[in-house]
Amino acid sequence: MTYPNIRATATRWVGAILSLTLALVPAAHRGEGPAPSAQATPEIHELDLGQCLEEALENNHRRQASRFAVEIAEAQHRQALAGYWPQVGLKGGYEHLSSAPDFVFPASQVRVPAGTAMINVPAGVLGPNPVQIPVSTPAQTVPVPSQDVKLANPDSFTVSLDASWLLYDGGMRRGLSEQTQGLADIMKEEARRTDLEIADSVTRLYYGAVLARNVLDIGSVTLKKMEATLDLTATMYRGGSSRVMKTDWLDNKVMVETLRSMVVELERNAALAEAALANTMGLGWRSSVRPTDREIPFIPLSPDLEELVQTAYHFNPDWGEVEAGIRAAEGAVLTAKSEHLPRVAATGIAHRWWNTYQAGLATDNNKVGWAAGVGVELPLFSGFLTKSKVDEATAREEKIKAERQLLREGIGLEVKSAFLNLVAAAKAFQATRDAMEAAAEDSDLTTRAYQAEMVETEKVIRTQLLEALMTAQHLKARYDHVAAQAQIQLVVGKALTSENTPSN
């Protein structure tokens, strides 16, 4: 008997079982210390997949951040739409001057030219009837002194209502509206991608935790079987069996203790998988989520690859982002071209001025009034700046369109890859189930034969470990099938249901 081969083979198989759960625990959670112990009692929540998804969508911080990004983009779009409305503003103010405003009329002289004037003499002075007498006046200069004219009182209160309405802008507002609407659509697609990624992560970690717990059960059951085999080996060699020696018992003992240490590691991995699930759901570090499902379901689906790819072109968030990006780029081109065209705006103002003075500028006509007008702005030459802006915006639009073609092929390859993973997992499910059933039957028959001293210890150890490995591989095939379905839903952007499955 080659006892070193027993140890090497058994160690390799036990290591393969252990590696199944290591792949389920995210790298960020490895090496962070031991599993929760009495020093930090974990809060264990038993939830099903639907409850986990609901909790994750409610508590996950990435989802909250993506929702705020959508609100920001929608607010920016509303800001762009505000340009279509008249802009009205009300201003008011009180003003006190150190002295009353005035106007000094400078001193001057008024020259009166020489001339003749007719003087009316009333009746009774020079005769019984009134008469007119011509009187000659010489040329003379009359001095006028300077005058300080008060315009208003020092205290004034004014109110004005200003309004402007952009009547024509050459397409600027429509371009800005399309840009901000495209940005809002991009943020919505990113938020939807976040939801899909959260659902994918929760689904994978949920069934990963189920798999980790199942593999732990396999390790525990295998440990009990090998402990029973160890007791049987000890009884047989102590009873004088010719086929079993103490070296068989020692090799069996090494395998039992090795497996015992592996089970401890499996317990740690199961705890970390449950903690990782709780973390993805947005729960605190003290929380752990234990799935209520005890096994991974296998739901056979046969989706049509062509239909999946076409569906992805409608629902994939990356595709939606590119389409929204093209709309935003078209709006940027329109905005840039608008700088070639004139802008026309209507303006108006109404004012009211309160001042207790009743002369100077403070007349009733000046205290209340309004004005209305139309303004036109026409750009003539900007050093080819506008043309360069148009060229830049057009190039960005063409760049996104070129990237859309690359994305089309990329999405198709992603869907095809996930589809092939699904098909392979479905085939592996049947093959590993048959292997698991055969290994279980082989282990049972070998154990009975060992009790009758018909086989050697090496055979018993090998069949028991092989049964554990085949069972673990079958569970891994179940997990791969569920993970492939989740991957397809993530890439396609839509749940994979019977609608995607062609009828027989």
Protein backbone atom coordinates (compact mmCIF):
# COMPACT_ATOMS: atom_id res chain seq x y z
CA MET A 1 0.00 0.00 0.00
CA THR A 2 1.28 3.48 -0.91
CA TYR A 3 0.34 5.47 2.18
CA PRO A 4 2.01 8.71 1.11
CA ASN A 5 -0.30 8.72 -1.91
CA ILE A 6 -3.27 8.55 0.39
CA ARG A 7 -2.14 11.67 2.26
CA ALA A 8 -1.26 13.60 -0.90
CA THR A 9 -4.48 12.68 -2.68
CA ALA A 10 -6.67 13.39 0.33
CA THR A 11 -5.00 16.71 1.00
CA ARG A 12 -5.48 17.73 -2.63
CA TRP A 13 -9.18 16.82 -2.55
CA VAL A 14 -9.83 18.54 0.76
CA GLY A 15 -8.06 21.63 -0.58
CA ALA A 16 -10.32 21.54 -3.64
CA ILE A 17 -13.38 21.49 -1.39
CA LEU A 18 -12.02 24.42 0.61
CA SER A 19 -11.30 26.47 -2.52
CA LEU A 20 -14.97 26.36 -3.50
CA THR A 21 -15.91 28.69 -0.68
CA LEU A 22 -12.82 30.89 -0.95
CA ALA A 23 -14.03 32.01 -4.38
CA LEU A 24 -17.30 33.19 -2.86
CA VAL A 25 -15.80 35.57 -0.32
CA PRO A 26 -14.85 38.97 -1.84
CA ALA A 27 -11.18 39.85 -1.59
CA ALA A 28 -12.02 42.89 0.51
CA HIS A 29 -13.33 40.58 3.25
CA ARG A 30 -10.38 38.19 3.34
CA GLY A 31 -7.63 38.52 5.87
CA GLU A 32 -9.58 40.99 8.00
CA GLY A 33 -9.40 38.84 11.09
CA PRO A 34 -11.30 35.89 12.46
CA ALA A 35 -14.97 35.29 12.08
CA PRO A 36 -17.31 36.98 14.60
CA SER A 37 -16.77 35.55 18.06
CA ALA A 38 -17.92 36.20 21.57
CA GLN A 39 -15.97 39.45 21.55
CA ALA A 40 -18.33 40.93 18.94
CA THR A 41 -21.66 39.12 18.90
CA PRO A 42 -23.01 39.32 15.36
CA GLU A 43 -26.55 40.36 14.59
CA ILE A 44 -27.80 37.47 12.48
CA HIS A 45 -30.80 38.14 10.24
CA GLU A 46 -32.49 35.25 8.50
CA LEU A 47 -33.89 36.55 5.19
CA ASP A 48 -34.90 35.15 1.84
CA LEU A 49 -33.62 36.47 -1.48
CA GLY A 50 -36.56 38.81 -2.02
CA GLN A 51 -36.11 40.40 1.40
CA CYS A 52 -32.36 40.76 0.81
CA LEU A 53 -32.97 42.55 -2.49
CA GLU A 54 -35.55 44.84 -0.90
CA GLU A 55 -33.21 45.71 1.98
CA ALA A 56 -30.31 46.30 -0.40
CA LEU A 57 -32.27 48.64 -2.66
CA GLU A 58 -33.39 50.58 0.40
CA ASN A 59 -30.12 50.80 2.32
CA ASN A 60 -27.27 50.52 -0.18
CA HIS A 61 -25.34 53.81 -0.20
CA ARG A 62 -24.38 53.51 -3.88
CA ARG A 63 -28.07 53.58 -4.80
CA GLN A 64 -28.69 56.68 -2.69
CA ALA A 65 -25.77 58.47 -4.36
CA SER A 66 -27.03 57.55 -7.83
CA ARG A 67 -30.49 58.89 -6.99
CA PHE A 68 -29.02 62.23 -5.94
CA ALA A 69 -27.10 62.34 -9.22
CA VAL A 70 -30.42 61.95 -11.07
CA GLU A 71 -31.97 64.77 -9.04
CA ILE A 72 -29.01 67.04 -9.84
CA ALA A 73 -29.30 66.35 -13.57
CA GLU A 74 -33.06 66.89 -13.57
CA ALA A 75 -32.60 70.19 -11.72
CA GLN A 76 -30.08 71.29 -14.36
CA HIS A 77 -32.60 70.44 -17.08
CA ARG A 78 -35.23 72.58 -15.37
CA GLN A 79 -32.69 75.41 -15.21
CA ALA A 80 -32.27 75.18 -18.99
CA LEU A 81 -36.03 75.24 -19.52
CA ALA A 82 -36.27 78.44 -17.46
CA GLY A 83 -34.84 80.34 -20.44
CA TYR A 84 -38.16 79.93 -22.30
CA TRP A 85 -39.99 82.04 -19.69
CA PRO A 86 -39.92 85.80 -19.15
CA GLN A 87 -37.47 86.94 -16.50
CA VAL A 88 -39.13 89.33 -14.04
CA GLY A 89 -37.42 91.00 -11.11
CA LEU A 90 -38.57 93.39 -8.42
CA LYS A 91 -36.13 95.83 -6.83
CA GLY A 92 -36.66 98.30 -4.05
CA GLY A 93 -34.50 100.54 -1.94
CA TYR A 94 -34.29 103.43 0.48
CA GLU A 95 -31.67 106.13 0.06
CA HIS A 96 -30.65 109.00 2.33
CA LEU A 97 -28.31 111.65 0.94
CA SER A 98 -26.04 113.81 3.08
CA SER A 99 -27.61 116.87 1.49
CA ALA A 100 -30.44 117.60 -0.86
CA PRO A 101 -29.44 117.31 -4.53
CA ASP A 102 -29.43 120.67 -6.33
CA PHE A 103 -28.58 122.35 -9.61
CA VAL A 104 -26.69 125.66 -9.75
CA PHE A 105 -27.76 127.90 -12.65
CA PRO A 106 -24.69 130.07 -13.37
CA ALA A 107 -24.84 133.89 -13.41
CA SER A 108 -25.45 135.42 -16.83
CA GLN A 109 -26.42 138.63 -18.58
CA VAL A 110 -29.46 139.17 -20.78
CA ARG A 111 -28.99 141.81 -23.56
CA VAL A 112 -32.10 143.80 -24.44
CA PRO A 113 -31.79 145.36 -27.94
CA ALA A 114 -32.91 148.98 -28.71
CA GLY A 115 -36.41 149.39 -30.04
CA THR A 116 -39.69 151.33 -30.01
CA ALA A 117 -42.63 150.36 -27.92
CA MET A 118 -46.21 151.67 -28.03
CA ILE A 119 -47.55 152.79 -24.62
CA ASN A 120 -51.30 152.88 -24.09
CA VAL A 121 -52.39 156.02 -22.21
CA PRO A 122 -55.83 155.63 -20.68
CA ALA A 123 -58.57 158.18 -21.21
CA GLY A 124 -58.53 161.21 -18.98
CA VAL A 125 -54.77 161.59 -18.83
CA LEU A 126 -54.00 163.34 -22.08
CA GLY A 127 -57.53 163.79 -23.24
CA PRO A 128 -60.94 162.39 -23.06
CA ASN A 129 -59.97 159.39 -25.16
CA PRO A 130 -57.17 156.79 -24.70
CA VAL A 131 -54.18 157.27 -26.93
CA GLN A 132 -51.02 155.34 -27.88
CA ILE A 133 -47.67 157.06 -27.62
CA PRO A 134 -44.49 155.57 -29.23
CA VAL A 135 -41.57 155.32 -26.77
CA SER A 136 -37.98 154.56 -27.88
CA THR A 137 -35.79 152.38 -25.59
CA PRO A 138 -32.01 152.18 -25.87
CA ALA A 139 -30.04 148.89 -26.03
CA GLN A 140 -29.04 147.63 -22.58
CA THR A 141 -27.69 144.51 -20.75
CA VAL A 142 -29.61 143.08 -17.78
CA PRO A 143 -27.50 140.99 -15.29
CA VAL A 144 -29.02 137.65 -14.03
CA PRO A 145 -27.46 136.36 -10.76
CA SER A 146 -26.61 132.65 -10.21
CA GLN A 147 -29.43 130.48 -8.82
CA ASP A 148 -29.25 127.32 -6.62
CA VAL A 149 -32.19 125.13 -7.65
CA LYS A 150 -33.15 122.28 -5.27
CA LEU A 151 -34.01 119.04 -7.17
CA ALA A 152 -35.34 116.71 -4.44
CA ASN A 153 -35.31 115.96 -0.73
CA PRO A 154 -32.44 113.85 0.70
CA ASP A 155 -34.69 110.90 1.58
CA SER A 156 -36.01 108.73 -1.27
CA PHE A 157 -37.62 105.30 -1.65
CA THR A 158 -37.75 103.60 -5.06
CA VAL A 159 -39.37 100.45 -6.43
CA SER A 160 -38.82 99.10 -9.94
CA LEU A 161 -40.16 96.07 -11.82
CA ASP A 162 -37.84 94.80 -14.58
CA ALA A 163 -38.87 92.25 -17.20
CA SER A 164 -37.11 90.68 -20.18
CA TRP A 165 -38.19 87.94 -22.56
CA LEU A 166 -35.88 86.31 -25.06
CA LEU A 167 -37.93 86.05 -28.23
CA TYR A 168 -35.40 84.47 -30.60
CA ASP A 169 -32.02 82.89 -29.82
CA GLY A 170 -31.12 80.91 -32.94
CA GLY A 171 -31.69 77.56 -31.18
CA MET A 172 -29.54 78.16 -28.10
CA ARG A 173 -32.25 77.28 -25.56
CA ARG A 174 -33.33 74.16 -27.43
CA GLY A 175 -29.72 73.02 -27.61
CA LEU A 176 -29.18 73.56 -23.89
CA SER A 177 -32.44 71.75 -23.17
CA GLU A 178 -31.33 68.73 -25.21
CA GLN A 179 -27.94 68.69 -23.50
CA THR A 180 -29.37 68.73 -20.00
CA GLN A 181 -32.09 66.23 -20.91
CA GLY A 182 -29.40 63.93 -22.28
CA LEU A 183 -27.40 64.32 -19.06
CA ALA A 184 -30.51 63.50 -17.00
CA ASP A 185 -31.09 60.37 -19.11
CA ILE A 186 -27.46 59.35 -18.60
CA MET A 187 -27.81 59.69 -14.84
CA LYS A 188 -31.01 57.64 -14.93
CA GLU A 189 -29.24 54.88 -16.84
CA GLU A 190 -26.39 54.97 -14.34
CA ALA A 191 -28.90 54.70 -11.51
CA ARG A 192 -30.53 51.75 -13.23
CA ARG A 193 -27.12 50.13 -13.72
CA THR A 194 -26.48 50.60 -10.01
CA ASP A 195 -29.75 48.82 -9.22
CA LEU A 196 -28.84 45.98 -11.59
CA GLU A 197 -25.36 45.67 -10.10
CA ILE A 198 -26.78 45.63 -6.57
CA ALA A 199 -29.28 42.94 -7.55
CA ASP A 200 -26.50 40.93 -9.22
CA SER A 201 -24.18 41.25 -6.21
CA VAL A 202 -26.90 40.38 -3.71
CA THR A 203 -28.01 37.36 -5.76
CA ARG A 204 -24.48 36.06 -6.10
CA LEU A 205 -23.59 36.60 -2.45
CA TYR A 206 -26.92 35.20 -1.26
CA TYR A 207 -26.47 31.91 -3.08
CA GLY A 208 -22.75 32.08 -2.32
CA ALA A 209 -23.64 32.10 1.36
CA VAL A 210 -25.98 29.16 0.75
CA LEU A 211 -23.17 27.32 -1.03
CA ALA A 212 -20.67 28.14 1.75
CA ARG A 213 -23.09 26.78 4.34
CA ASN A 214 -23.72 23.64 2.24
CA VAL A 215 -20.01 23.03 1.78
CA LEU A 216 -19.57 23.44 5.53
CA ASP A 217 -22.25 20.78 6.03
CA ILE A 218 -20.43 18.51 3.57
CA GLY A 219 -17.19 18.99 5.49
CA SER A 220 -18.91 18.27 8.80
CA VAL A 221 -20.62 15.15 7.48
CA THR A 222 -17.39 13.92 5.87
CA LEU A 223 -15.54 14.54 9.13
CA LYS A 224 -18.06 12.42 11.03
CA LYS A 225 -17.76 9.65 8.45
CA MET A 226 -13.98 9.67 8.63
CA GLU A 227 -14.09 9.70 12.43
CA ALA A 228 -16.28 6.62 12.29
CA THR A 229 -13.84 5.04 9.82
CA LEU A 230 -10.98 5.94 12.17
CA ASP A 231 -12.72 4.17 15.05
CA LEU A 232 -13.38 1.18 12.82
CA THR A 233 -9.75 1.11 11.70
CA ALA A 234 -8.55 1.22 15.30
CA THR A 235 -10.88 -1.62 16.23
CA MET A 236 -9.77 -3.73 13.28
CA TYR A 237 -6.01 -3.37 13.72
CA ARG A 238 -6.26 -3.83 17.50
CA GLY A 239 -8.39 -6.89 16.88
CA GLY A 240 -5.62 -8.50 14.91
CA SER A 241 -6.82 -7.91 11.36
CA SER A 242 -4.39 -9.11 8.73
CA ARG A 243 -5.32 -6.32 6.27
CA VAL A 244 -5.32 -3.33 8.62
CA MET A 245 -2.24 -2.16 10.43
CA LYS A 246 -1.42 0.69 12.76
CA THR A 247 0.05 2.68 9.86
CA ASP A 248 -3.41 2.63 8.27
CA TRP A 249 -4.86 4.01 11.48
CA LEU A 250 -2.16 6.71 11.63
CA ASP A 251 -2.76 7.79 8.02
CA ASN A 252 -6.47 7.89 8.72
CA LYS A 253 -5.80 9.90 11.86
CA VAL A 254 -3.78 12.46 9.86
CA MET A 255 -6.62 12.81 7.37
CA VAL A 256 -9.20 13.26 10.13
CA GLU A 257 -7.25 15.99 11.87
CA THR A 258 -6.47 17.69 8.56
CA LEU A 259 -10.13 17.66 7.66
CA ARG A 260 -11.02 18.98 11.11
CA SER A 261 -8.83 22.03 10.52
CA MET A 262 -10.40 22.43 7.09
CA VAL A 263 -13.88 22.45 8.64
CA VAL A 264 -12.81 25.31 10.91
CA GLU A 265 -11.74 27.23 7.80
CA LEU A 266 -15.05 26.42 6.15
CA GLU A 267 -16.88 27.83 9.19
CA ARG A 268 -14.88 31.03 8.83
CA ASN A 269 -15.64 31.28 5.13
CA ALA A 270 -19.36 30.74 5.72
CA ALA A 271 -19.38 33.52 8.33
CA LEU A 272 -17.50 35.87 6.00
CA ALA A 273 -19.89 35.11 3.14
CA GLU A 274 -22.85 36.04 5.35
CA ALA A 275 -21.07 39.21 6.51
CA ALA A 276 -20.29 40.15 2.90
CA LEU A 277 -23.96 39.74 2.02
CA ALA A 278 -24.96 42.03 4.89
CA ASN A 279 -22.37 44.61 3.81
CA THR A 280 -23.68 44.63 0.25
CA MET A 281 -27.18 45.17 1.60
CA GLY A 282 -25.99 48.29 3.42
CA LEU A 283 -26.11 46.83 6.93
CA GLY A 284 -23.53 47.52 9.62
CA TRP A 285 -20.36 45.51 10.19
CA ARG A 286 -21.90 43.79 13.19
CA SER A 287 -24.69 42.32 11.05
CA SER A 288 -24.71 39.03 9.20
CA VAL A 289 -27.43 37.69 6.91
CA ARG A 290 -28.16 33.98 6.90
CA PRO A 291 -30.20 32.86 3.88
CA THR A 292 -33.41 31.02 4.64
CA ASP A 293 -32.89 28.82 1.58
CA ARG A 294 -31.10 25.61 2.41
CA GLU A 295 -30.14 24.70 -1.14
CA ILE A 296 -29.45 26.46 -4.42
CA PRO A 297 -32.38 26.11 -6.84
CA PHE A 298 -31.87 24.89 -10.38
CA ILE A 299 -34.31 26.47 -12.82
CA PRO A 300 -33.62 25.19 -16.34
CA LEU A 301 -33.89 27.95 -18.92
CA SER A 302 -33.09 27.87 -22.63
CA PRO A 303 -33.06 31.50 -23.77
CA ASP A 304 -32.58 32.41 -27.41
CA LEU A 305 -29.18 34.08 -27.87
CA GLU A 306 -30.30 36.33 -30.75
CA GLU A 307 -33.30 37.53 -28.77
CA LEU A 308 -31.14 38.20 -25.72
CA VAL A 309 -28.75 40.35 -27.75
CA GLN A 310 -31.59 42.35 -29.30
CA THR A 311 -33.14 42.81 -25.86
CA ALA A 312 -29.81 44.09 -24.54
CA TYR A 313 -29.78 46.80 -27.23
CA HIS A 314 -33.01 48.14 -25.70
CA PHE A 315 -32.41 47.66 -21.96
CA ASN A 316 -28.64 47.60 -21.38
CA PRO A 317 -27.72 50.71 -19.32
CA ASP A 318 -24.48 51.26 -21.26
CA TRP A 319 -26.44 51.34 -24.51
CA GLY A 320 -28.95 53.74 -23.00
CA GLU A 321 -26.12 56.01 -21.85
CA VAL A 322 -24.61 56.15 -25.33
CA GLU A 323 -27.98 56.98 -26.90
CA ALA A 324 -28.52 59.74 -24.34
CA GLY A 325 -24.96 60.96 -24.93
CA ILE A 326 -25.64 61.29 -28.66
CA ARG A 327 -28.77 63.37 -27.96
CA ALA A 328 -26.76 65.60 -25.63
CA ALA A 329 -24.01 65.99 -28.26
CA GLU A 330 -26.59 66.98 -30.88
CA GLY A 331 -27.85 69.64 -28.46
CA ALA A 332 -24.29 70.92 -28.01
CA VAL A 333 -23.94 71.29 -31.80
CA LEU A 334 -27.20 73.22 -31.95
CA THR A 335 -26.08 75.51 -29.11
CA ALA A 336 -22.77 76.21 -30.81
CA LYS A 337 -24.44 77.03 -34.15
CA SER A 338 -26.82 79.47 -32.45
CA GLU A 339 -23.91 81.88 -31.91
CA HIS A 340 -23.98 82.61 -35.66
CA LEU A 341 -27.56 83.93 -35.44
CA PRO A 342 -29.07 87.09 -33.91
CA ARG A 343 -30.86 87.24 -30.60
CA VAL A 344 -33.98 89.27 -30.04
CA ALA A 345 -35.40 90.18 -26.63
CA ALA A 346 -38.25 92.30 -25.37
CA THR A 347 -37.54 94.45 -22.31
CA GLY A 348 -39.70 96.50 -19.97
CA ILE A 349 -39.45 98.43 -16.74
CA ALA A 350 -41.93 100.16 -14.44
CA HIS A 351 -40.79 102.37 -11.56
CA ARG A 352 -42.19 104.32 -8.63
CA TRP A 353 -40.26 107.01 -6.72
CA TRP A 354 -41.33 108.41 -3.39
CA ASN A 355 -39.91 111.85 -2.43
CA THR A 356 -41.64 114.49 -0.36
CA TYR A 357 -40.33 117.37 -2.50
CA GLN A 358 -42.78 118.71 -5.06
CA ALA A 359 -40.45 120.65 -7.36
CA GLY A 360 -37.17 120.14 -9.17
CA LEU A 361 -36.97 116.54 -10.40
CA ALA A 362 -39.53 115.30 -7.89
CA THR A 363 -42.49 115.99 -10.10
CA ASP A 364 -45.46 113.69 -10.48
CA ASN A 365 -44.38 112.95 -14.03
CA ASN A 366 -40.94 111.76 -12.88
CA LYS A 367 -42.10 109.81 -9.84
CA VAL A 368 -44.15 107.23 -11.78
CA GLY A 369 -43.32 105.80 -15.19
CA TRP A 370 -42.58 102.81 -17.39
CA ALA A 371 -40.61 101.93 -20.50
CA ALA A 372 -40.77 99.10 -23.04
CA GLY A 373 -38.52 98.16 -25.92
CA VAL A 374 -37.02 95.50 -28.15
CA GLY A 375 -33.30 94.73 -28.32
CA VAL A 376 -31.37 92.92 -31.06
CA GLU A 377 -27.87 91.46 -30.78
CA LEU A 378 -26.14 90.30 -33.96
CA PRO A 379 -22.61 88.81 -33.82
CA LEU A 380 -20.53 89.93 -36.77
CA PHE A 381 -17.03 88.52 -36.27
CA SER A 382 -15.44 86.58 -33.41
CA GLY A 383 -12.13 85.47 -34.89
CA PHE A 384 -13.64 82.16 -36.07
CA LEU A 385 -14.40 81.26 -32.44
CA THR A 386 -17.95 80.14 -33.18
CA LYS A 387 -16.85 77.99 -36.11
CA SER A 388 -14.30 76.26 -33.89
CA LYS A 389 -16.96 75.60 -31.26
CA VAL A 390 -19.23 74.05 -33.89
CA ASP A 391 -16.38 71.87 -35.18
CA GLU A 392 -15.58 70.68 -31.66
CA ALA A 393 -19.20 69.82 -30.84
CA THR A 394 -19.63 68.01 -34.17
CA ALA A 395 -16.46 65.98 -33.59
CA ARG A 396 -17.68 64.96 -30.13
CA GLU A 397 -20.97 63.80 -31.61
CA GLU A 398 -19.21 61.69 -34.24
CA LYS A 399 -16.88 60.24 -31.60
CA ILE A 400 -19.82 59.02 -29.51
CA LYS A 401 -21.47 57.53 -32.58
CA ALA A 402 -18.27 55.64 -33.39
CA GLU A 403 -18.10 54.38 -29.80
CA ARG A 404 -21.69 53.18 -30.13
CA GLN A 405 -20.62 50.77 -32.87
CA LEU A 406 -17.88 49.40 -30.62
CA LEU A 407 -20.36 49.06 -27.78
CA ARG A 408 -22.78 47.15 -30.01
CA GLU A 409 -20.21 44.43 -30.58
CA GLY A 410 -19.08 44.51 -26.96
CA ILE A 411 -22.60 43.98 -25.64
CA GLY A 412 -23.10 41.12 -28.05
CA LEU A 413 -19.91 39.44 -26.83
CA GLU A 414 -20.86 39.96 -23.17
CA VAL A 415 -24.29 38.42 -23.72
CA LYS A 416 -22.78 35.52 -25.66
CA SER A 417 -20.21 34.88 -22.93
CA ALA A 418 -22.87 34.84 -20.20
CA PHE A 419 -25.08 32.65 -22.40
CA LEU A 420 -22.28 30.10 -22.90
CA ASN A 421 -21.63 30.11 -19.15
CA LEU A 422 -25.31 29.35 -18.59
CA VAL A 423 -25.28 26.47 -21.09
CA ALA A 424 -22.06 25.05 -19.62
CA ALA A 425 -23.43 25.27 -16.08
CA ALA A 426 -26.61 23.46 -17.14
CA LYS A 427 -24.56 20.63 -18.66
CA ALA A 428 -22.27 20.50 -15.63
CA PHE A 429 -25.32 20.23 -13.37
CA GLN A 430 -26.41 16.93 -14.90
CA ALA A 431 -22.88 15.52 -15.10
CA THR A 432 -21.96 16.43 -11.52
CA ARG A 433 -25.27 15.08 -10.20
CA ASP A 434 -24.59 11.70 -11.81
CA ALA A 435 -21.03 11.77 -10.47
CA MET A 436 -22.29 12.71 -6.99
CA GLU A 437 -24.79 9.86 -6.93
CA ALA A 438 -22.18 7.37 -8.18
CA ALA A 439 -19.62 8.61 -5.61
CA ALA A 440 -22.16 8.29 -2.78
CA GLU A 441 -23.01 4.73 -3.80
CA ASP A 442 -19.31 3.87 -4.19
CA SER A 443 -18.54 5.26 -0.73
CA ASP A 444 -21.37 3.27 0.86
CA LEU A 445 -20.34 0.00 -0.80
CA THR A 446 -16.67 0.56 -0.03
CA THR A 447 -17.39 1.23 3.62
CA ARG A 448 -19.37 -2.01 3.86
CA ALA A 449 -16.61 -3.90 2.10
CA TYR A 450 -14.07 -2.40 4.49
CA GLN A 451 -16.06 -3.65 7.45
CA ALA A 452 -15.77 -7.12 5.89
CA GLU A 453 -12.02 -6.57 5.34
CA MET A 454 -12.47 -6.82 1.58
CA VAL A 455 -10.78 -3.51 0.69
CA GLU A 456 -7.87 -1.53 2.07
CA THR A 457 -7.98 1.64 4.15
CA GLU A 458 -6.73 3.75 1.25
CA LYS A 459 -9.81 2.87 -0.77
CA VAL A 460 -12.19 3.88 2.02
CA ILE A 461 -10.49 7.24 2.57
CA ARG A 462 -10.41 7.96 -1.15
CA THR A 463 -14.10 7.13 -1.71
CA GLN A 464 -15.25 9.23 1.26
CA LEU A 465 -13.24 12.24 0.10
CA LEU A 466 -14.35 11.70 -3.47
CA GLU A 467 -17.99 11.67 -2.38
CA ALA A 468 -17.47 15.00 -0.58
CA LEU A 469 -15.69 16.49 -3.58
CA MET A 470 -18.35 15.37 -6.08
CA THR A 471 -21.13 16.71 -3.85
CA ALA A 472 -19.32 20.04 -3.52
CA GLN A 473 -18.76 20.20 -7.28
CA HIS A 474 -22.45 19.55 -7.89
CA LEU A 475 -23.36 22.39 -5.53
CA LYS A 476 -20.82 24.61 -7.32
CA ALA A 477 -22.48 23.73 -10.65
CA ARG A 478 -25.82 24.85 -9.18
CA TYR A 479 -24.23 28.07 -8.03
CA ASP A 480 -22.60 28.66 -11.43
CA HIS A 481 -25.99 28.24 -13.10
CA VAL A 482 -27.63 30.80 -10.81
CA ALA A 483 -24.65 33.16 -11.19
CA ALA A 484 -24.82 32.87 -15.00
CA GLN A 485 -28.51 33.79 -14.94
CA ALA A 486 -27.70 36.82 -12.76
CA GLN A 487 -24.89 37.80 -15.15
CA ILE A 488 -27.23 37.64 -18.15
CA GLN A 489 -29.77 39.82 -16.35
CA LEU A 490 -27.03 42.32 -15.54
CA VAL A 491 -25.76 42.52 -19.12
CA VAL A 492 -29.19 42.47 -20.78
CA GLY A 493 -30.62 44.92 -18.26
CA LYS A 494 -33.80 42.91 -17.83
CA ALA A 495 -34.89 39.91 -15.79
CA LEU A 496 -34.40 36.54 -17.48
CA THR A 497 -37.83 34.87 -17.54
CA SER A 498 -39.74 32.35 -19.56
CA GLU A 499 -40.52 35.12 -22.04
CA ASN A 500 -36.91 34.86 -23.21
CA THR A 501 -37.26 31.12 -23.66
CA PRO A 502 -38.58 29.83 -26.99
CA SER A 503 -41.62 27.57 -26.74
CA ASN A 504 -41.27 23.90 -27.63
